[in-house]
């Protein structure tokens, strides 16, 4: 697999993922990913993207519940 940006070689590894939204900070330290050995670009596969989106959705729902009780 080649990197879209620099054409370097992509290898399986792990990468961090962070998101900040509506006063919520979600951080994953080691998400499985493809990482470019040349420029460090990261690609996440669909399975990992779906899992992260599920977590973000659950956090959003719980945050909205907390906001309603405050």
PDB file of N, CA and C in Angstrom:
ATOM      1  N   UNK A   1       0.851  -1.171   0.000  1.00  0.00           N
ATOM      2  CA  UNK A   1       0.000   0.000   0.000  1.00  0.00           C
ATOM      3  C   UNK A   1       0.898   1.236   0.000  1.00  0.00           C
ATOM      4  N   UNK A   2       0.546   2.232  -0.808  1.00  0.00           N
ATOM      5  CA  UNK A   2       1.322   3.462  -0.917  1.00  0.00           C
ATOM      6  C   UNK A   2       0.556   4.637  -0.315  1.00  0.00           C
ATOM      7  N   UNK A   3       1.283   5.578   0.258  1.00  0.00           N
ATOM      8  CA  UNK A   3       0.715   6.790   0.835  1.00  0.00           C
ATOM      9  C   UNK A   3       0.173   7.688  -0.278  1.00  0.00           C
ATOM     10  N   UNK A   4      -0.999   8.238  -0.069  1.00  0.00           N
ATOM     11  CA  UNK A   4      -1.606   9.140  -1.049  1.00  0.00           C
ATOM     12  C   UNK A   4      -0.803  10.418  -1.220  1.00  0.00           C
ATOM     13  N   UNK A   5      -0.109  10.850  -0.187  1.00  0.00           N
ATOM     14  CA  UNK A   5       0.563  12.140  -0.202  1.00  0.00           C
ATOM     15  C   UNK A   5       1.985  12.079  -0.744  1.00  0.00           C
ATOM     16  N   UNK A   6       2.764  11.102  -0.267  1.00  0.00           N
ATOM     17  CA  UNK A   6       4.182  11.091  -0.633  1.00  0.00           C
ATOM     18  C   UNK A   6       4.598   9.835  -1.385  1.00  0.00           C
ATOM     19  N   UNK A   7       3.671   8.887  -1.544  1.00  0.00           N
ATOM     20  CA  UNK A   7       3.936   7.599  -2.190  1.00  0.00           C
ATOM     21  C   UNK A   7       4.868   6.703  -1.382  1.00  0.00           C
ATOM     22  N   UNK A   8       5.039   7.037  -0.097  1.00  0.00           N
ATOM     23  CA  UNK A   8       5.831   6.180   0.783  1.00  0.00           C
ATOM     24  C   UNK A   8       5.093   4.891   1.077  1.00  0.00           C
ATOM     25  N   UNK A   9       5.758   3.980   1.742  1.00  0.00           N
ATOM     26  CA  UNK A   9       5.185   2.679   2.079  1.00  0.00           C
ATOM     27  C   UNK A   9       4.366   2.776   3.363  1.00  0.00           C
ATOM     28  N   UNK A  10       3.167   2.229   3.314  1.00  0.00           N
ATOM     29  CA  UNK A  10       2.292   2.182   4.490  1.00  0.00           C
ATOM     30  C   UNK A  10       2.492   0.850   5.199  1.00  0.00           C
ATOM     31  N   UNK A  11       2.611   0.895   6.523  1.00  0.00           N
ATOM     32  CA  UNK A  11       2.744  -0.319   7.326  1.00  0.00           C
ATOM     33  C   UNK A  11       1.690  -0.295   8.426  1.00  0.00           C
ATOM     34  N   UNK A  12       1.304  -1.491   8.866  1.00  0.00           N
ATOM     35  CA  UNK A  12       0.351  -1.577   9.977  1.00  0.00           C
ATOM     36  C   UNK A  12       1.041  -1.151  11.255  1.00  0.00           C
ATOM     37  N   UNK A  13       0.317  -0.370  12.027  1.00  0.00           N
ATOM     38  CA  UNK A  13       0.836   0.098  13.297  1.00  0.00           C
ATOM     39  C   UNK A  13      -0.309   0.635  14.131  1.00  0.00           C
ATOM     40  N   UNK A  14      -0.013   1.624  14.939  1.00  0.00           N
ATOM     41  CA  UNK A  14      -1.007   2.265  15.793  1.00  0.00           C
ATOM     42  C   UNK A  14      -0.777   3.762  15.749  1.00  0.00           C
ATOM     43  N   UNK A  15      -1.861   4.504  15.937  1.00  0.00           N
ATOM     44  CA  UNK A  15      -1.759   5.964  15.931  1.00  0.00           C
ATOM     45  C   UNK A  15      -2.770   6.532  16.916  1.00  0.00           C
ATOM     46  N   UNK A  16      -2.485   7.697  17.464  1.00  0.00           N
ATOM     47  CA  UNK A  16      -3.444   8.355  18.348  1.00  0.00           C
ATOM     48  C   UNK A  16      -4.574   8.980  17.550  1.00  0.00           C
ATOM     49  N   UNK A  17      -5.714   9.147  18.199  1.00  0.00           N
ATOM     50  CA  UNK A  17      -6.845   9.855  17.599  1.00  0.00           C
ATOM     51  C   UNK A  17      -7.449  10.717  18.697  1.00  0.00           C
ATOM     52  N   UNK A  18      -7.645  11.997  18.404  1.00  0.00           N
ATOM     53  CA  UNK A  18      -8.211  12.934  19.377  1.00  0.00           C
ATOM     54  C   UNK A  18      -9.341  13.707  18.712  1.00  0.00           C
ATOM     55  N   UNK A  19     -10.377  13.982  19.500  1.00  0.00           N
ATOM     56  CA  UNK A  19     -11.465  14.822  18.999  1.00  0.00           C
ATOM     57  C   UNK A  19     -11.960  15.707  20.143  1.00  0.00           C
ATOM     58  N   UNK A  20     -12.202  16.948  19.819  1.00  0.00           N
ATOM     59  CA  UNK A  20     -12.765  17.908  20.773  1.00  0.00           C
ATOM     60  C   UNK A  20     -14.071  18.422  20.190  1.00  0.00           C
ATOM     61  N   UNK A  21     -15.138  18.321  20.947  1.00  0.00           N
ATOM     62  CA  UNK A  21     -16.428  18.828  20.486  1.00  0.00           C
ATOM     63  C   UNK A  21     -17.320  19.133  21.671  1.00  0.00           C
ATOM     64  N   UNK A  22     -17.945  20.284  21.629  1.00  0.00           N
ATOM     65  CA  UNK A  22     -18.901  20.710  22.655  1.00  0.00           C
ATOM     66  C   UNK A  22     -18.397  20.431  24.073  1.00  0.00           C
ATOM     67  N   UNK A  23     -17.213  20.906  24.396  1.00  0.00           N
ATOM     68  CA  UNK A  23     -16.629  20.741  25.729  1.00  0.00           C
ATOM     69  C   UNK A  23     -16.327  19.297  26.101  1.00  0.00           C
ATOM     70  N   UNK A  24     -16.247  18.420  25.110  1.00  0.00           N
ATOM     71  CA  UNK A  24     -15.918  17.016  25.350  1.00  0.00           C
ATOM     72  C   UNK A  24     -14.610  16.729  24.630  1.00  0.00           C
ATOM     73  N   UNK A  25     -13.714  16.050  25.323  1.00  0.00           N
ATOM     74  CA  UNK A  25     -12.430  15.683  24.735  1.00  0.00           C
ATOM     75  C   UNK A  25     -12.300  14.164  24.789  1.00  0.00           C
ATOM     76  N   UNK A  26     -12.214  13.536  23.637  1.00  0.00           N
ATOM     77  CA  UNK A  26     -12.052  12.091  23.558  1.00  0.00           C
ATOM     78  C   UNK A  26     -10.678  11.821  22.961  1.00  0.00           C
ATOM     79  N   UNK A  27      -9.942  10.923  23.596  1.00  0.00           N
ATOM     80  CA  UNK A  27      -8.595  10.625  23.142  1.00  0.00           C
ATOM     81  C   UNK A  27      -8.357   9.122  23.173  1.00  0.00           C
ATOM     82  N   UNK A  28      -7.891   8.607  22.061  1.00  0.00           N
ATOM     83  CA  UNK A  28      -7.467   7.211  21.961  1.00  0.00           C
ATOM     84  C   UNK A  28      -5.967   7.236  21.699  1.00  0.00           C
ATOM     85  N   UNK A  29      -5.205   6.490  22.451  1.00  0.00           N
ATOM     86  CA  UNK A  29      -3.755   6.522  22.298  1.00  0.00           C
ATOM     87  C   UNK A  29      -3.222   5.571  21.226  1.00  0.00           C
ATOM     88  N   UNK A  30      -3.859   4.447  21.032  1.00  0.00           N
ATOM     89  CA  UNK A  30      -3.308   3.420  20.141  1.00  0.00           C
ATOM     90  C   UNK A  30      -4.386   2.774  19.279  1.00  0.00           C
ATOM     91  N   UNK A  31      -4.850   3.484  18.286  1.00  0.00           N
ATOM     92  CA  UNK A  31      -5.846   2.941  17.362  1.00  0.00           C
ATOM     93  C   UNK A  31      -5.104   2.230  16.234  1.00  0.00           C
ATOM     94  N   UNK A  32      -5.477   0.984  15.914  1.00  0.00           N
ATOM     95  CA  UNK A  32      -4.834   0.314  14.784  1.00  0.00           C
ATOM     96  C   UNK A  32      -5.000   1.147  13.512  1.00  0.00           C
ATOM     97  N   UNK A  33      -3.923   1.251  12.740  1.00  0.00           N
ATOM     98  CA  UNK A  33      -3.944   2.115  11.561  1.00  0.00           C
ATOM     99  C   UNK A  33      -2.845   1.715  10.592  1.00  0.00           C
ATOM    100  N   UNK A  34      -2.928   2.278   9.400  1.00  0.00           N
ATOM    101  CA  UNK A  34      -1.838   2.220   8.433  1.00  0.00           C
ATOM    102  C   UNK A  34      -1.050   3.509   8.605  1.00  0.00           C
ATOM    103  N   UNK A  35       0.259   3.408   8.742  1.00  0.00           N
ATOM    104  CA  UNK A  35       1.105   4.573   8.976  1.00  0.00           C
ATOM    105  C   UNK A  35       2.197   4.609   7.903  1.00  0.00           C
ATOM    106  N   UNK A  36       2.380   5.775   7.294  1.00  0.00           N
ATOM    107  CA  UNK A  36       3.404   5.938   6.266  1.00  0.00           C
ATOM    108  C   UNK A  36       4.780   5.975   6.912  1.00  0.00           C
ATOM    109  N   UNK A  37       5.679   5.167   6.385  1.00  0.00           N
ATOM    110  CA  UNK A  37       7.039   5.123   6.927  1.00  0.00           C
ATOM    111  C   UNK A  37       7.854   6.347   6.515  1.00  0.00           C
ATOM    112  N   UNK A  38       7.380   7.077   5.521  1.00  0.00           N
ATOM    113  CA  UNK A  38       8.132   8.234   5.039  1.00  0.00           C
ATOM    114  C   UNK A  38       7.660   9.550   5.660  1.00  0.00           C
ATOM    115  N   UNK A  39       6.336   9.818   5.603  1.00  0.00           N
ATOM    116  CA  UNK A  39       5.838  11.119   6.078  1.00  0.00           C
ATOM    117  C   UNK A  39       4.998  11.032   7.349  1.00  0.00           C
ATOM    118  N   UNK A  40       4.631   9.815   7.780  1.00  0.00           N
ATOM    119  CA  UNK A  40       3.862   9.650   9.002  1.00  0.00           C
ATOM    120  C   UNK A  40       2.360   9.788   8.841  1.00  0.00           C
ATOM    121  N   UNK A  41       1.881   9.973   7.603  1.00  0.00           N
ATOM    122  CA  UNK A  41       0.436  10.056   7.361  1.00  0.00           C
ATOM    123  C   UNK A  41      -0.241   8.798   7.893  1.00  0.00           C
ATOM    124  N   UNK A  42      -1.455   8.970   8.424  1.00  0.00           N
ATOM    125  CA  UNK A  42      -2.185   7.861   9.052  1.00  0.00           C
ATOM    126  C   UNK A  42      -3.497   7.624   8.319  1.00  0.00           C
ATOM    127  N   UNK A  43      -3.788   6.374   8.067  1.00  0.00           N
ATOM    128  CA  UNK A  43      -5.082   5.972   7.503  1.00  0.00           C
ATOM    129  C   UNK A  43      -5.713   4.951   8.439  1.00  0.00           C
ATOM    130  N   UNK A  44      -6.978   5.179   8.792  1.00  0.00           N
ATOM    131  CA  UNK A  44      -7.714   4.228   9.604  1.00  0.00           C
ATOM    132  C   UNK A  44      -8.638   3.425   8.702  1.00  0.00           C
ATOM    133  N   UNK A  45      -8.750   2.136   8.964  1.00  0.00           N
ATOM    134  CA  UNK A  45      -9.670   1.295   8.193  1.00  0.00           C
ATOM    135  C   UNK A  45     -11.097   1.492   8.703  1.00  0.00           C
ATOM    136  N   UNK A  46     -12.047   1.039   7.911  1.00  0.00           N
ATOM    137  CA  UNK A  46     -13.468   1.237   8.197  1.00  0.00           C
ATOM    138  C   UNK A  46     -13.865   0.691   9.565  1.00  0.00           C
ATOM    139  N   UNK A  47     -13.334  -0.452   9.941  1.00  0.00           N
ATOM    140  CA  UNK A  47     -13.675  -1.053  11.236  1.00  0.00           C
ATOM    141  C   UNK A  47     -13.327  -0.116  12.388  1.00  0.00           C
ATOM    142  N   UNK A  48     -12.126   0.457  12.330  1.00  0.00           N
ATOM    143  CA  UNK A  48     -11.700   1.362  13.390  1.00  0.00           C
ATOM    144  C   UNK A  48     -12.486   2.665  13.362  1.00  0.00           C
ATOM    145  N   UNK A  49     -12.755   3.179  12.166  1.00  0.00           N
ATOM    146  CA  UNK A  49     -13.551   4.412  12.041  1.00  0.00           C
ATOM    147  C   UNK A  49     -14.934   4.200  12.639  1.00  0.00           C
ATOM    148  N   UNK A  50     -15.567   3.082  12.319  1.00  0.00           N
ATOM    149  CA  UNK A  50     -16.896   2.796  12.861  1.00  0.00           C
ATOM    150  C   UNK A  50     -16.870   2.673  14.382  1.00  0.00           C
ATOM    151  N   UNK A  51     -15.844   2.027  14.928  1.00  0.00           N
ATOM    152  CA  UNK A  51     -15.742   1.881  16.380  1.00  0.00           C
ATOM    153  C   UNK A  51     -15.569   3.235  17.058  1.00  0.00           C
ATOM    154  N   UNK A  52     -14.718   4.090  16.501  1.00  0.00           N
ATOM    155  CA  UNK A  52     -14.515   5.419  17.068  1.00  0.00           C
ATOM    156  C   UNK A  52     -15.798   6.232  16.974  1.00  0.00           C
ATOM    157  N   UNK A  53     -16.501   6.157  15.854  1.00  0.00           N
ATOM    158  CA  UNK A  53     -17.762   6.885  15.701  1.00  0.00           C
ATOM    159  C   UNK A  53     -18.800   6.404  16.700  1.00  0.00           C
ATOM    160  N   UNK A  54     -18.843   5.109  16.983  1.00  0.00           N
ATOM    161  CA  UNK A  54     -19.777   4.571  17.982  1.00  0.00           C
ATOM    162  C   UNK A  54     -19.479   5.139  19.366  1.00  0.00           C
ATOM    163  N   UNK A  55     -18.206   5.220  19.721  1.00  0.00           N
ATOM    164  CA  UNK A  55     -17.821   5.779  21.022  1.00  0.00           C
ATOM    165  C   UNK A  55     -18.203   7.251  21.100  1.00  0.00           C
ATOM    166  N   UNK A  56     -17.921   7.999  20.043  1.00  0.00           N
ATOM    167  CA  UNK A  56     -18.241   9.431  20.030  1.00  0.00           C
ATOM    168  C   UNK A  56     -19.744   9.642  20.153  1.00  0.00           C
ATOM    169  N   UNK A  57     -20.522   8.826  19.465  1.00  0.00           N
ATOM    170  CA  UNK A  57     -21.985   8.934  19.548  1.00  0.00           C
ATOM    171  C   UNK A  57     -22.455   8.674  20.982  1.00  0.00           C
ATOM    172  N   UNK A  58     -21.914   7.642  21.621  1.00  0.00           N
ATOM    173  CA  UNK A  58     -22.307   7.320  22.995  1.00  0.00           C
ATOM    174  C   UNK A  58     -21.907   8.443  23.955  1.00  0.00           C
ATOM    175  N   UNK A  59     -20.730   9.003  23.786  1.00  0.00           N
ATOM    176  CA  UNK A  59     -20.285  10.105  24.638  1.00  0.00           C
ATOM    177  C   UNK A  59     -21.186  11.319  24.433  1.00  0.00           C
ATOM    178  N   UNK A  60     -21.522  11.629  23.179  1.00  0.00           N
ATOM    179  CA  UNK A  60     -22.426  12.747  22.888  1.00  0.00           C
ATOM    180  C   UNK A  60     -23.773  12.568  23.588  1.00  0.00           C
ATOM    181  N   UNK A  61     -24.329  11.364  23.507  1.00  0.00           N
ATOM    182  CA  UNK A  61     -25.629  11.095  24.133  1.00  0.00           C
ATOM    183  C   UNK A  61     -25.555  11.282  25.649  1.00  0.00           C
ATOM    184  N   UNK A  62     -24.511  10.765  26.266  1.00  0.00           N
ATOM    185  CA  UNK A  62     -24.371  10.894  27.715  1.00  0.00           C
ATOM    186  C   UNK A  62     -24.121  12.347  28.112  1.00  0.00           C
ATOM    187  N   UNK A  63     -23.359  13.072  27.325  1.00  0.00           N
ATOM    188  CA  UNK A  63     -23.093  14.477  27.616  1.00  0.00           C
ATOM    189  C   UNK A  63     -24.381  15.299  27.548  1.00  0.00           C
ATOM    190  N   UNK A  64     -25.231  14.990  26.587  1.00  0.00           N
ATOM    191  CA  UNK A  64     -26.504  15.712  26.484  1.00  0.00           C
ATOM    192  C   UNK A  64     -27.395  15.415  27.691  1.00  0.00           C
ATOM    193  N   UNK A  65     -27.366  14.164  28.181  1.00  0.00           N
ATOM    194  CA  UNK A  65     -28.122  13.829  29.377  1.00  0.00           C
ATOM    195  C   UNK A  65     -27.608  14.617  30.578  1.00  0.00           C
ATOM    196  N   UNK A  66     -26.292  14.715  30.701  1.00  0.00           N
ATOM    197  CA  UNK A  66     -25.714  15.486  31.826  1.00  0.00           C
ATOM    198  C   UNK A  66     -26.091  16.952  31.735  1.00  0.00           C
ATOM    199  N   UNK A  67     -26.074  17.496  30.531  1.00  0.00           N
ATOM    200  CA  UNK A  67     -26.400  18.914  30.349  1.00  0.00           C
ATOM    201  C   UNK A  67     -27.845  19.207  30.732  1.00  0.00           C
ATOM    202  N   UNK A  68     -28.733  18.261  30.483  1.00  0.00           N
ATOM    203  CA  UNK A  68     -30.148  18.465  30.832  1.00  0.00           C
ATOM    204  C   UNK A  68     -30.387  18.448  32.333  1.00  0.00           C
ATOM    205  N   UNK A  69     -29.530  17.719  33.070  1.00  0.00           N
ATOM    206  CA  UNK A  69     -29.729  17.638  34.521  1.00  0.00           C
ATOM    207  C   UNK A  69     -29.001  18.772  35.258  1.00  0.00           C
ATOM    208  N   UNK A  70     -28.169  19.478  34.558  1.00  0.00           N
ATOM    209  CA  UNK A  70     -27.400  20.545  35.217  1.00  0.00           C
ATOM    210  C   UNK A  70     -28.224  21.791  35.412  1.00  0.00           C
TER     211      UNK A  70
END
